[in-house]
Amino acid sequence: MPNSSSMAQFLLLAFSDRRELQLLHFWLFLGISLAALLGNGLILSAVACDQHLHTPRDFFLLHLSLTDLGCICTTVPKAMHNSLWGTTTISYTGCAAQVFLLIFFLGTEFSLLTIMCYDRYVAICKPLHYGTLLGSRACAHMAAAAWASGFLTALLHTANTFSLPLCQGNALDQFFCEIPQILKLSCSHSGYLREIGLLILSCSLGFGCFIFIVFSYVQIFRAVLRIPSKQGRHKAFSTCLPDVAVVSLFVSTIIFAHLKPPSISFQSLDLIVSVLYSVVPPALNPLIYSLRNRELKDAIRKMMTGCFSGALKCLFSGL
């Protein structure tokens, strides 16, 4: 029975055999990557440089942008490289690193989304306790716990998955290394069941966090409905509803991708679901969380205006 460590490389899924479609995929992923890098980079720069953006929500948004950058940089560059050069290979070490980093960033991101929901709940439902419950030390501890939980989850799943003997070839039906696709290559029934058990445990914990998020937003909406001002209710709903939509899409696609029965595993469906949880959120999150934050928009506008003015000054001073 061959051991997985003896496998030199894996074969990733090619989006198409036609060169034109491969290049189309490359340019599409390039556009998504640039949008994610630009959006999250602007948020990181604005929050780090503007002293007015040091609220707990901005602090957690900075960490969320870091996880989004990590997610997009873990899967997309290799897929773009393979499409551009017409290859499908990834080394065994590269595949293990991709699995670890993706779970690390996704796990941390979900923890941060849960914490940001708690931040909204305290701000709207318990405003008098906001400074106590979300002080600077408490925020630092929650952010550290989010990163630590993501690291431990990634370490556990990666170590268990890549300790399994693989004897069903080396072709993965996905454009990046994903645990369910690697498990299809395993010939160890006990190891397969052990990893499935870990996936069920992780998804159950994630679903528990999702229930907490839903319960928190129910309380938030109940509090919002008591606001006498129609404008105030509209502002609160416009802030919370996109958050619920983002978290719902994120959780549902991850759970479906990792726990769906083999009978409904189709290549095109797997591809769409994986894009929805690994590629789309890093590009959309900056747009969703910055458009509804006037202070953040003003800071980004001020920063970009300053950079543009500085560039013009340097340009004309050199003439």
C-alpha atoms as a PDB file:
ATOM      1  CA  MET A   1       0.000   0.000   0.000  1.00  0.00           C
ATOM      2  CA  PRO A   2       1.757   3.222  -1.115  1.00  0.00           C
ATOM      3  CA  ASN A   3       2.115   6.007   1.422  1.00  0.00           C
ATOM      4  CA  SER A   4       1.014   9.518   0.589  1.00  0.00           C
ATOM      5  CA  SER A   5       4.467  10.904   1.329  1.00  0.00           C
ATOM      6  CA  SER A   6       5.856   8.930  -1.610  1.00  0.00           C
ATOM      7  CA  MET A   7       3.636  10.875  -4.017  1.00  0.00           C
ATOM      8  CA  ALA A   8       5.642  13.610  -5.714  1.00  0.00           C
ATOM      9  CA  GLN A   9       2.782  15.712  -7.040  1.00  0.00           C
ATOM     10  CA  PHE A  10      -0.946  16.054  -7.611  1.00  0.00           C
ATOM     11  CA  LEU A  11      -2.830  16.899 -10.790  1.00  0.00           C
ATOM     12  CA  LEU A  12      -5.296  19.763 -10.400  1.00  0.00           C
ATOM     13  CA  LEU A  13      -8.448  20.257 -12.425  1.00  0.00           C
ATOM     14  CA  ALA A  14      -8.030  22.209 -15.643  1.00  0.00           C
ATOM     15  CA  PHE A  15     -10.893  24.620 -16.290  1.00  0.00           C
ATOM     16  CA  SER A  16     -10.907  23.709 -19.973  1.00  0.00           C
ATOM     17  CA  ASP A  17      -8.908  21.897 -22.619  1.00  0.00           C
ATOM     18  CA  ARG A  18      -9.314  24.838 -25.009  1.00  0.00           C
ATOM     19  CA  ARG A  19      -6.551  27.400 -24.890  1.00  0.00           C
ATOM     20  CA  GLU A  20      -8.948  30.320 -25.346  1.00  0.00           C
ATOM     21  CA  LEU A  21     -10.979  29.335 -22.284  1.00  0.00           C
ATOM     22  CA  GLN A  22      -7.816  28.787 -20.239  1.00  0.00           C
ATOM     23  CA  LEU A  23      -6.728  32.337 -21.009  1.00  0.00           C
ATOM     24  CA  LEU A  24     -10.226  33.610 -20.236  1.00  0.00           C
ATOM     25  CA  HIS A  25     -10.020  31.922 -16.838  1.00  0.00           C
ATOM     26  CA  PHE A  26      -6.604  33.511 -16.277  1.00  0.00           C
ATOM     27  CA  TRP A  27      -7.863  37.028 -17.010  1.00  0.00           C
ATOM     28  CA  LEU A  28     -11.020  36.487 -14.946  1.00  0.00           C
ATOM     29  CA  PHE A  29      -9.063  35.349 -11.910  1.00  0.00           C
ATOM     30  CA  LEU A  30      -6.552  38.140 -12.464  1.00  0.00           C
ATOM     31  CA  GLY A  31      -9.351  40.721 -12.314  1.00  0.00           C
ATOM     32  CA  ILE A  32     -10.817  39.167  -9.160  1.00  0.00           C
ATOM     33  CA  SER A  33      -7.382  39.017  -7.537  1.00  0.00           C
ATOM     34  CA  LEU A  34      -6.589  42.650  -8.334  1.00  0.00           C
ATOM     35  CA  ALA A  35      -9.976  43.739  -6.968  1.00  0.00           C
ATOM     36  CA  ALA A  36      -9.378  41.784  -3.753  1.00  0.00           C
ATOM     37  CA  LEU A  37      -5.812  43.052  -3.369  1.00  0.00           C
ATOM     38  CA  LEU A  38      -6.822  46.659  -4.036  1.00  0.00           C
ATOM     39  CA  GLY A  39      -9.897  46.631  -1.791  1.00  0.00           C
ATOM     40  CA  ASN A  40      -8.306  44.874   1.152  1.00  0.00           C
ATOM     41  CA  GLY A  41      -5.060  46.807   0.730  1.00  0.00           C
ATOM     42  CA  LEU A  42      -6.933  50.113   0.926  1.00  0.00           C
ATOM     43  CA  ILE A  43      -8.764  49.005   4.060  1.00  0.00           C
ATOM     44  CA  LEU A  44      -5.524  47.888   5.712  1.00  0.00           C
ATOM     45  CA  SER A  45      -3.789  51.151   4.855  1.00  0.00           C
ATOM     46  CA  ALA A  46      -6.716  53.332   5.947  1.00  0.00           C
ATOM     47  CA  VAL A  47      -7.273  51.591   9.278  1.00  0.00           C
ATOM     48  CA  ALA A  48      -3.553  51.448  10.058  1.00  0.00           C
ATOM     49  CA  CYS A  49      -2.870  55.090   9.173  1.00  0.00           C
ATOM     50  CA  ASP A  50      -6.014  56.959  10.235  1.00  0.00           C
ATOM     51  CA  GLN A  51      -6.266  57.513  13.989  1.00  0.00           C
ATOM     52  CA  HIS A  52     -10.045  57.987  13.713  1.00  0.00           C
ATOM     53  CA  LEU A  53     -10.445  54.354  12.592  1.00  0.00           C
ATOM     54  CA  HIS A  54      -9.423  52.695  15.833  1.00  0.00           C
ATOM     55  CA  THR A  55     -12.851  51.448  16.922  1.00  0.00           C
ATOM     56  CA  PRO A  56     -13.323  47.719  17.681  1.00  0.00           C
ATOM     57  CA  ARG A  57     -15.211  47.216  14.395  1.00  0.00           C
ATOM     58  CA  ASP A  58     -12.367  48.789  12.410  1.00  0.00           C
ATOM     59  CA  PHE A  59      -9.846  46.710  14.348  1.00  0.00           C
ATOM     60  CA  PHE A  60     -11.628  43.473  13.442  1.00  0.00           C
ATOM     61  CA  LEU A  61     -12.141  44.682   9.866  1.00  0.00           C
ATOM     62  CA  LEU A  62      -8.364  45.066   9.553  1.00  0.00           C
ATOM     63  CA  HIS A  63      -7.908  41.437  10.614  1.00  0.00           C
ATOM     64  CA  LEU A  64     -10.690  40.347   8.243  1.00  0.00           C
ATOM     65  CA  SER A  65      -8.853  42.033   5.380  1.00  0.00           C
ATOM     66  CA  LEU A  66      -5.693  40.133   6.302  1.00  0.00           C
ATOM     67  CA  THR A  67      -7.548  36.810   6.119  1.00  0.00           C
ATOM     68  CA  ASP A  68      -9.133  37.786   2.803  1.00  0.00           C
ATOM     69  CA  LEU A  69      -5.721  38.555   1.351  1.00  0.00           C
ATOM     70  CA  GLY A  70      -4.463  35.234   2.658  1.00  0.00           C
ATOM     71  CA  CYS A  71      -7.359  33.302   1.087  1.00  0.00           C
ATOM     72  CA  ILE A  72      -7.030  34.888  -2.337  1.00  0.00           C
ATOM     73  CA  CYS A  73      -3.244  34.468  -2.366  1.00  0.00           C
ATOM     74  CA  THR A  74      -3.439  30.797  -1.356  1.00  0.00           C
ATOM     75  CA  THR A  75      -5.524  29.384  -4.207  1.00  0.00           C
ATOM     76  CA  VAL A  76      -5.776  31.833  -7.086  1.00  0.00           C
ATOM     77  CA  PRO A  77      -2.102  32.411  -8.082  1.00  0.00           C
ATOM     78  CA  LYS A  78      -1.472  28.692  -8.669  1.00  0.00           C
ATOM     79  CA  ALA A  79      -4.695  28.352 -10.667  1.00  0.00           C
ATOM     80  CA  MET A  80      -3.706  31.383 -12.764  1.00  0.00           C
ATOM     81  CA  HIS A  81      -0.222  29.957 -13.330  1.00  0.00           C
ATOM     82  CA  ASN A  82      -1.623  26.623 -14.483  1.00  0.00           C
ATOM     83  CA  SER A  83      -4.106  28.289 -16.845  1.00  0.00           C
ATOM     84  CA  LEU A  84      -1.500  30.600 -18.323  1.00  0.00           C
ATOM     85  CA  TRP A  85       1.108  27.909 -18.926  1.00  0.00           C
ATOM     86  CA  GLY A  86      -1.291  25.045 -19.652  1.00  0.00           C
ATOM     87  CA  THR A  87      -0.136  22.888 -16.716  1.00  0.00           C
ATOM     88  CA  THR A  88      -2.104  21.125 -13.974  1.00  0.00           C
ATOM     89  CA  THR A  89       0.536  19.977 -11.491  1.00  0.00           C
ATOM     90  CA  ILE A  90       1.185  20.971  -7.895  1.00  0.00           C
ATOM     91  CA  SER A  91       3.861  19.450  -5.696  1.00  0.00           C
ATOM     92  CA  TYR A  92       2.982  17.325  -2.677  1.00  0.00           C
ATOM     93  CA  THR A  93       4.476  19.947  -0.343  1.00  0.00           C
ATOM     94  CA  GLY A  94       2.700  22.739  -2.200  1.00  0.00           C
ATOM     95  CA  CYS A  95      -0.603  20.899  -1.897  1.00  0.00           C
ATOM     96  CA  ALA A  96      -0.134  20.388   1.850  1.00  0.00           C
ATOM     97  CA  ALA A  97       0.765  24.062   2.276  1.00  0.00           C
ATOM     98  CA  GLN A  98      -2.294  25.088   0.268  1.00  0.00           C
ATOM     99  CA  VAL A  99      -4.621  22.976   2.422  1.00  0.00           C
ATOM    100  CA  PHE A 100      -3.098  24.272   5.652  1.00  0.00           C
ATOM    101  CA  LEU A 101      -3.146  27.938   4.658  1.00  0.00           C
ATOM    102  CA  LEU A 102      -6.663  27.854   3.219  1.00  0.00           C
ATOM    103  CA  ILE A 103      -8.149  26.217   6.329  1.00  0.00           C
ATOM    104  CA  PHE A 104      -6.112  28.579   8.513  1.00  0.00           C
ATOM    105  CA  PHE A 105      -7.413  31.712   6.801  1.00  0.00           C
ATOM    106  CA  LEU A 106     -10.986  30.446   6.335  1.00  0.00           C
ATOM    107  CA  GLY A 107     -11.231  29.317   9.953  1.00  0.00           C
ATOM    108  CA  THR A 108      -9.858  32.607  11.212  1.00  0.00           C
ATOM    109  CA  GLU A 109     -12.180  34.567   8.925  1.00  0.00           C
ATOM    110  CA  PHE A 110     -15.265  32.786  10.186  1.00  0.00           C
ATOM    111  CA  SER A 111     -14.222  33.422  13.800  1.00  0.00           C
ATOM    112  CA  LEU A 112     -13.738  37.104  12.966  1.00  0.00           C
ATOM    113  CA  LEU A 113     -17.158  37.300  11.309  1.00  0.00           C
ATOM    114  CA  THR A 114     -18.664  35.836  14.482  1.00  0.00           C
ATOM    115  CA  ILE A 115     -16.808  38.373  16.621  1.00  0.00           C
ATOM    116  CA  MET A 116     -17.918  41.239  14.357  1.00  0.00           C
ATOM    117  CA  CYS A 117     -21.499  40.056  14.790  1.00  0.00           C
ATOM    118  CA  TYR A 118     -21.002  40.137  18.567  1.00  0.00           C
ATOM    119  CA  ASP A 119     -19.623  43.658  18.196  1.00  0.00           C
ATOM    120  CA  ARG A 120     -22.811  44.772  16.407  1.00  0.00           C
ATOM    121  CA  TYR A 121     -24.976  43.028  18.999  1.00  0.00           C
ATOM    122  CA  VAL A 122     -23.286  44.800  21.911  1.00  0.00           C
ATOM    123  CA  ALA A 123     -23.258  48.168  20.095  1.00  0.00           C
ATOM    124  CA  ILE A 124     -27.002  48.070  19.369  1.00  0.00           C
ATOM    125  CA  CYS A 125     -28.475  45.980  22.185  1.00  0.00           C
ATOM    126  CA  LYS A 126     -26.106  46.817  25.065  1.00  0.00           C
ATOM    127  CA  PRO A 127     -24.611  50.210  24.184  1.00  0.00           C
ATOM    128  CA  LEU A 128     -23.946  51.163  27.840  1.00  0.00           C
ATOM    129  CA  HIS A 129     -21.658  48.114  28.236  1.00  0.00           C
ATOM    130  CA  TYR A 130     -19.861  48.529  24.906  1.00  0.00           C
ATOM    131  CA  GLY A 131     -16.705  50.095  26.343  1.00  0.00           C
ATOM    132  CA  THR A 132     -16.434  47.392  28.997  1.00  0.00           C
ATOM    133  CA  LEU A 133     -17.183  44.327  26.849  1.00  0.00           C
ATOM    134  CA  LEU A 134     -15.157  45.493  23.847  1.00  0.00           C
ATOM    135  CA  GLY A 135     -12.218  47.326  25.345  1.00  0.00           C
ATOM    136  CA  SER A 136      -8.825  47.292  23.658  1.00  0.00           C
ATOM    137  CA  ARG A 137      -7.568  44.327  25.706  1.00  0.00           C
ATOM    138  CA  ALA A 138     -10.734  42.307  25.090  1.00  0.00           C
ATOM    139  CA  CYS A 139     -10.522  42.997  21.347  1.00  0.00           C
ATOM    140  CA  ALA A 140      -6.877  41.920  21.242  1.00  0.00           C
ATOM    141  CA  HIS A 141      -7.714  38.694  23.093  1.00  0.00           C
ATOM    142  CA  MET A 142     -10.627  37.911  20.751  1.00  0.00           C
ATOM    143  CA  ALA A 143      -8.510  38.547  17.641  1.00  0.00           C
ATOM    144  CA  ALA A 144      -5.711  36.364  19.023  1.00  0.00           C
ATOM    145  CA  ALA A 145      -8.230  33.608  19.800  1.00  0.00           C
ATOM    146  CA  ALA A 146      -9.572  33.798  16.228  1.00  0.00           C
ATOM    147  CA  TRP A 147      -6.100  33.380  14.722  1.00  0.00           C
ATOM    148  CA  ALA A 148      -5.189  30.624  17.197  1.00  0.00           C
ATOM    149  CA  SER A 149      -8.379  28.661  16.492  1.00  0.00           C
ATOM    150  CA  GLY A 150      -7.742  28.907  12.751  1.00  0.00           C
ATOM    151  CA  PHE A 151      -4.159  27.698  13.199  1.00  0.00           C
ATOM    152  CA  LEU A 152      -5.092  24.724  15.378  1.00  0.00           C
ATOM    153  CA  THR A 153      -7.933  23.691  13.052  1.00  0.00           C
ATOM    154  CA  ALA A 154      -5.656  23.883  10.021  1.00  0.00           C
ATOM    155  CA  LEU A 155      -2.885  21.956  11.756  1.00  0.00           C
ATOM    156  CA  LEU A 156      -5.254  19.201  12.858  1.00  0.00           C
ATOM    157  CA  HIS A 157      -6.901  18.702   9.450  1.00  0.00           C
ATOM    158  CA  THR A 158      -3.684  18.969   7.443  1.00  0.00           C
ATOM    159  CA  ALA A 159      -1.741  16.547   9.636  1.00  0.00           C
ATOM    160  CA  ASN A 160      -4.553  14.004   9.563  1.00  0.00           C
ATOM    161  CA  THR A 161      -5.284  14.298   5.826  1.00  0.00           C
ATOM    162  CA  PHE A 162      -1.682  13.996   4.683  1.00  0.00           C
ATOM    163  CA  SER A 163      -0.971  11.065   6.980  1.00  0.00           C
ATOM    164  CA  LEU A 164      -3.449   8.961   5.003  1.00  0.00           C
ATOM    165  CA  PRO A 165      -2.131   6.453   2.443  1.00  0.00           C
ATOM    166  CA  LEU A 166      -3.237   7.412  -1.064  1.00  0.00           C
ATOM    167  CA  CYS A 167      -3.687   4.674  -3.655  1.00  0.00           C
ATOM    168  CA  GLN A 168      -6.386   5.982  -6.023  1.00  0.00           C
ATOM    169  CA  GLY A 169      -4.083   7.987  -8.291  1.00  0.00           C
ATOM    170  CA  ASN A 170      -3.123  11.645  -7.915  1.00  0.00           C
ATOM    171  CA  ALA A 171      -5.796  13.525  -9.890  1.00  0.00           C
ATOM    172  CA  LEU A 172      -7.927  16.034  -7.942  1.00  0.00           C
ATOM    173  CA  ASP A 173     -11.264  17.227  -9.339  1.00  0.00           C
ATOM    174  CA  GLN A 174     -10.661  20.763  -8.129  1.00  0.00           C
ATOM    175  CA  PHE A 175      -8.530  23.752  -9.173  1.00  0.00           C
ATOM    176  CA  PHE A 176      -6.842  23.779  -5.762  1.00  0.00           C
ATOM    177  CA  CYS A 177      -6.076  21.199  -3.086  1.00  0.00           C
ATOM    178  CA  GLU A 178      -9.257  20.549  -1.129  1.00  0.00           C
ATOM    179  CA  ILE A 179      -9.653  17.954   1.621  1.00  0.00           C
ATOM    180  CA  PRO A 180     -12.744  16.156   0.193  1.00  0.00           C
ATOM    181  CA  GLN A 181     -10.936  15.682  -3.115  1.00  0.00           C
ATOM    182  CA  ILE A 182      -7.824  14.297  -1.401  1.00  0.00           C
ATOM    183  CA  LEU A 183      -9.950  11.923   0.684  1.00  0.00           C
ATOM    184  CA  LYS A 184     -11.269  10.387  -2.552  1.00  0.00           C
ATOM    185  CA  LEU A 185      -7.725   9.143  -3.197  1.00  0.00           C
ATOM    186  CA  SER A 186      -7.374   7.479   0.208  1.00  0.00           C
ATOM    187  CA  CYS A 187      -7.333   3.722   0.638  1.00  0.00           C
ATOM    188  CA  SER A 188      -7.486   3.791   4.429  1.00  0.00           C
ATOM    189  CA  HIS A 189     -11.071   3.360   5.573  1.00  0.00           C
ATOM    190  CA  SER A 190     -10.330   4.142   9.228  1.00  0.00           C
ATOM    191  CA  GLY A 191      -8.283   7.232   8.333  1.00  0.00           C
ATOM    192  CA  TYR A 192     -10.997   8.385   5.948  1.00  0.00           C
ATOM    193  CA  LEU A 193     -13.643   8.053   8.666  1.00  0.00           C
ATOM    194  CA  ARG A 194     -11.399   9.861  11.138  1.00  0.00           C
ATOM    195  CA  GLU A 195     -11.041  12.873   8.850  1.00  0.00           C
ATOM    196  CA  ILE A 196     -14.764  12.836   8.025  1.00  0.00           C
ATOM    197  CA  GLY A 197     -15.394  12.892  11.768  1.00  0.00           C
ATOM    198  CA  LEU A 198     -13.089  15.889  12.146  1.00  0.00           C
ATOM    199  CA  LEU A 199     -14.850  17.648   9.274  1.00  0.00           C
ATOM    200  CA  ILE A 200     -18.238  16.986  10.871  1.00  0.00           C
ATOM    201  CA  LEU A 201     -16.936  18.335  14.186  1.00  0.00           C
ATOM    202  CA  SER A 202     -15.509  21.477  12.552  1.00  0.00           C
ATOM    203  CA  CYS A 203     -18.646  22.100  10.524  1.00  0.00           C
ATOM    204  CA  SER A 204     -20.811  21.532  13.604  1.00  0.00           C
ATOM    205  CA  LEU A 205     -18.810  24.124  15.543  1.00  0.00           C
ATOM    206  CA  GLY A 206     -19.101  26.463  12.583  1.00  0.00           C
ATOM    207  CA  PHE A 207     -22.831  25.861  12.400  1.00  0.00           C
ATOM    208  CA  GLY A 208     -23.074  26.566  16.125  1.00  0.00           C
ATOM    209  CA  CYS A 209     -21.366  29.910  15.546  1.00  0.00           C
ATOM    210  CA  PHE A 210     -23.802  30.544  12.697  1.00  0.00           C
ATOM    211  CA  ILE A 211     -26.742  29.873  15.050  1.00  0.00           C
ATOM    212  CA  PHE A 212     -25.204  32.374  17.477  1.00  0.00           C
ATOM    213  CA  ILE A 213     -24.931  34.890  14.646  1.00  0.00           C
ATOM    214  CA  VAL A 214     -28.550  34.376  13.615  1.00  0.00           C
ATOM    215  CA  PHE A 215     -29.736  34.676  17.237  1.00  0.00           C
ATOM    216  CA  SER A 216     -27.688  37.863  17.673  1.00  0.00           C
ATOM    217  CA  TYR A 217     -29.138  39.441  14.556  1.00  0.00           C
ATOM    218  CA  VAL A 218     -32.671  38.502  15.636  1.00  0.00           C
ATOM    219  CA  GLN A 219     -32.029  40.437  18.843  1.00  0.00           C
ATOM    220  CA  ILE A 220     -30.524  43.280  16.808  1.00  0.00           C
ATOM    221  CA  PHE A 221     -33.549  43.449  14.503  1.00  0.00           C
ATOM    222  CA  ARG A 222     -35.908  43.443  17.471  1.00  0.00           C
ATOM    223  CA  ALA A 223     -33.975  46.363  18.950  1.00  0.00           C
ATOM    224  CA  VAL A 224     -33.922  48.151  15.605  1.00  0.00           C
ATOM    225  CA  LEU A 225     -37.702  47.876  15.212  1.00  0.00           C
ATOM    226  CA  ARG A 226     -38.067  49.820  18.450  1.00  0.00           C
ATOM    227  CA  ILE A 227     -36.118  52.763  17.035  1.00  0.00           C
ATOM    228  CA  PRO A 228     -38.641  55.593  16.506  1.00  0.00           C
ATOM    229  CA  SER A 229     -36.751  57.145  13.606  1.00  0.00           C
ATOM    230  CA  LYS A 230     -37.463  55.583  10.220  1.00  0.00           C
ATOM    231  CA  GLN A 231     -34.057  56.758   8.986  1.00  0.00           C
ATOM    232  CA  GLY A 232     -32.382  55.104  11.968  1.00  0.00           C
ATOM    233  CA  ARG A 233     -34.149  51.804  11.275  1.00  0.00           C
ATOM    234  CA  HIS A 234     -33.164  51.950   7.619  1.00  0.00           C
ATOM    235  CA  LYS A 235     -29.526  52.610   8.508  1.00  0.00           C
ATOM    236  CA  ALA A 236     -29.427  49.736  10.984  1.00  0.00           C
ATOM    237  CA  PHE A 237     -31.080  47.283   8.573  1.00  0.00           C
ATOM    238  CA  SER A 238     -28.777  48.330   5.712  1.00  0.00           C
ATOM    239  CA  THR A 239     -25.815  47.660   7.995  1.00  0.00           C
ATOM    240  CA  CYS A 240     -26.924  44.264   9.280  1.00  0.00           C
ATOM    241  CA  LEU A 241     -28.634  42.564   6.332  1.00  0.00           C
ATOM    242  CA  PRO A 242     -25.510  42.424   4.098  1.00  0.00           C
ATOM    243  CA  ASP A 243     -23.585  40.942   7.031  1.00  0.00           C
ATOM    244  CA  VAL A 244     -26.166  38.169   7.363  1.00  0.00           C
ATOM    245  CA  ALA A 245     -26.030  37.502   3.610  1.00  0.00           C
ATOM    246  CA  VAL A 246     -22.207  37.301   3.607  1.00  0.00           C
ATOM    247  CA  VAL A 247     -22.073  34.933   6.580  1.00  0.00           C
ATOM    248  CA  SER A 248     -24.914  32.749   5.230  1.00  0.00           C
ATOM    249  CA  LEU A 249     -23.210  32.316   1.848  1.00  0.00           C
ATOM    250  CA  PHE A 250     -19.851  31.667   3.495  1.00  0.00           C
ATOM    251  CA  VAL A 251     -21.130  29.031   5.933  1.00  0.00           C
ATOM    252  CA  SER A 252     -23.519  27.240   3.575  1.00  0.00           C
ATOM    253  CA  THR A 253     -20.983  26.810   0.778  1.00  0.00           C
ATOM    254  CA  ILE A 254     -18.205  25.568   3.097  1.00  0.00           C
ATOM    255  CA  ILE A 255     -20.476  23.039   4.824  1.00  0.00           C
ATOM    256  CA  PHE A 256     -21.909  21.877   1.499  1.00  0.00           C
ATOM    257  CA  ALA A 257     -18.449  21.516  -0.071  1.00  0.00           C
ATOM    258  CA  HIS A 258     -17.075  19.408   2.776  1.00  0.00           C
ATOM    259  CA  LEU A 259     -20.098  17.361   3.894  1.00  0.00           C
ATOM    260  CA  LYS A 260     -22.151  16.795   0.737  1.00  0.00           C
ATOM    261  CA  PRO A 261     -22.817  13.120  -0.090  1.00  0.00           C
ATOM    262  CA  PRO A 262     -20.789  11.612  -2.961  1.00  0.00           C
ATOM    263  CA  SER A 263     -23.990  10.994  -4.914  1.00  0.00           C
ATOM    264  CA  ILE A 264     -24.376  14.732  -5.626  1.00  0.00           C
ATOM    265  CA  SER A 265     -20.708  15.409  -6.296  1.00  0.00           C
ATOM    266  CA  PHE A 266     -20.477  16.845  -9.801  1.00  0.00           C
ATOM    267  CA  GLN A 267     -17.387  18.514 -11.187  1.00  0.00           C
ATOM    268  CA  SER A 268     -19.131  21.714 -12.252  1.00  0.00           C
ATOM    269  CA  LEU A 269     -21.078  21.962  -8.973  1.00  0.00           C
ATOM    270  CA  ASP A 270     -17.925  21.409  -6.903  1.00  0.00           C
ATOM    271  CA  LEU A 271     -16.150  24.083  -8.909  1.00  0.00           C
ATOM    272  CA  ILE A 272     -18.899  26.685  -8.424  1.00  0.00           C
ATOM    273  CA  VAL A 273     -19.196  26.017  -4.691  1.00  0.00           C
ATOM    274  CA  SER A 274     -15.431  26.218  -4.152  1.00  0.00           C
ATOM    275  CA  VAL A 275     -15.256  29.550  -5.989  1.00  0.00           C
ATOM    276  CA  LEU A 276     -18.130  30.884  -3.859  1.00  0.00           C
ATOM    277  CA  TYR A 277     -16.342  30.244  -0.559  1.00  0.00           C
ATOM    278  CA  SER A 278     -12.670  30.700  -1.485  1.00  0.00           C
ATOM    279  CA  VAL A 279     -12.535  33.355  -4.231  1.00  0.00           C
ATOM    280  CA  VAL A 280     -15.683  35.502  -4.115  1.00  0.00           C
ATOM    281  CA  PRO A 281     -15.665  36.617  -0.422  1.00  0.00           C
ATOM    282  CA  PRO A 282     -12.179  38.191  -0.480  1.00  0.00           C
ATOM    283  CA  ALA A 283     -13.237  40.347  -3.429  1.00  0.00           C
ATOM    284  CA  LEU A 284     -16.695  41.263  -2.112  1.00  0.00           C
ATOM    285  CA  ASN A 285     -15.992  41.791   1.593  1.00  0.00           C
ATOM    286  CA  PRO A 286     -14.094  45.090   1.140  1.00  0.00           C
ATOM    287  CA  LEU A 287     -16.945  46.436  -0.970  1.00  0.00           C
ATOM    288  CA  ILE A 288     -19.653  45.326   1.465  1.00  0.00           C
ATOM    289  CA  TYR A 289     -17.935  46.499   4.638  1.00  0.00           C
ATOM    290  CA  SER A 290     -16.523  49.782   3.314  1.00  0.00           C
ATOM    291  CA  LEU A 291     -19.539  51.137   1.391  1.00  0.00           C
ATOM    292  CA  ARG A 292     -21.591  51.242   4.616  1.00  0.00           C
ATOM    293  CA  ASN A 293     -18.836  52.823   6.720  1.00  0.00           C
ATOM    294  CA  ARG A 294     -18.729  56.575   6.132  1.00  0.00           C
ATOM    295  CA  GLU A 295     -15.593  57.096   8.244  1.00  0.00           C
ATOM    296  CA  LEU A 296     -13.750  54.382   6.358  1.00  0.00           C
ATOM    297  CA  LYS A 297     -14.841  55.757   2.973  1.00  0.00           C
ATOM    298  CA  ASP A 298     -13.685  59.235   3.976  1.00  0.00           C
ATOM    299  CA  ALA A 299     -10.321  57.891   5.169  1.00  0.00           C
ATOM    300  CA  ILE A 300      -9.778  55.952   1.931  1.00  0.00           C
ATOM    301  CA  ARG A 301     -10.774  58.979  -0.149  1.00  0.00           C
ATOM    302  CA  LYS A 302      -8.436  61.198   1.866  1.00  0.00           C
ATOM    303  CA  MET A 303      -5.577  58.729   1.543  1.00  0.00           C
ATOM    304  CA  MET A 304      -6.036  58.305  -2.217  1.00  0.00           C
ATOM    305  CA  THR A 305      -6.313  62.084  -2.714  1.00  0.00           C
ATOM    306  CA  GLY A 306      -3.112  62.578  -0.739  1.00  0.00           C
ATOM    307  CA  CYS A 307      -1.264  59.935  -2.759  1.00  0.00           C
ATOM    308  CA  PHE A 308      -2.514  61.401  -6.039  1.00  0.00           C
ATOM    309  CA  SER A 309      -1.516  64.932  -5.003  1.00  0.00           C
ATOM    310  CA  GLY A 310       1.899  63.703  -3.913  1.00  0.00           C
ATOM    311  CA  ALA A 311       2.417  61.909  -7.223  1.00  0.00           C
ATOM    312  CA  LEU A 312       1.486  65.031  -9.192  1.00  0.00           C
ATOM    313  CA  LYS A 313       3.813  67.160  -7.069  1.00  0.00           C
ATOM    314  CA  CYS A 314       6.709  64.781  -7.688  1.00  0.00           C
ATOM    315  CA  LEU A 315       5.898  64.647 -11.383  1.00  0.00           C
ATOM    316  CA  PHE A 316       5.825  68.412 -11.903  1.00  0.00           C
ATOM    317  CA  SER A 317       8.748  69.104  -9.596  1.00  0.00           C
ATOM    318  CA  GLY A 318      10.899  66.920 -11.810  1.00  0.00           C
ATOM    319  CA  LEU A 319      10.050  68.875 -14.963  1.00  0.00           C
END
